Amino acid sequence: MLIYLMVTRYRKLEVSEEIVRSRRNLGRLSEIISYIKENYTSEISLEKLSEVFGYSPTYLSRMFRKYAHMNYKSYLQSIRLEYAYRELENSENSIGEIAEHHGFTDARAFTRAFKTKYGMLPSEYKKTKNPKWQVLLEHFERYSMDTVIQRKKSLEKLVNIIKNNNKITWVKCAMLEGD
């Protein structure tokens, strides 16, 4: 009963034309975004996208800036990076293969975009996700640093990982986090 009274007495009878236009444009943009997410691996220029949806490239560009708060090219790149990041995290594919799978022109373009967004190279990120490092970090979490060093096998394992990966900085980080 209370909801009925609130709806009938306090509803807005007139909706401004600006609100209607804004919601209509957001609906159109959501269709365009769905299309981009389904086809991000192929070359989708603003011109091609405008042909598919029947808008001028200028209008589509303005729509992106107004509602997505970024230009079309940046939005497409962020979608590609998001999916590439997931693959980098969960696969053993090379950087070049990942770049190719997600619509980047080459590994160099992917590396540059990844470094700009995440502050590290994809190869550096991939090494941090190396299962050997995960085992090492889990080992540090389970025991205090003194216990790890006292155990000869643990110390040997640590030395081998350092030799194999040549990443002393990651070991230092793990040591600091384990304290």
Foldseek 3Di string as FASTA:
>chain_A
DVVVCCCVPPPDPDDDPVVVVVVVLVVVVVVLVVVCLVPLLEDDDLCNSCVVVVHHSVVVQVSCCVPVVDGPVVVSLVSLLVVLVVCLLPHPDDLQVSCNRRNHPGSVRNQVSCCVVPVDGSVVVSVCSPVLNVVLLVVLQVDAPVVQVVDPVSVVSVVVVCVVPVCVVSVVVSNVVSD
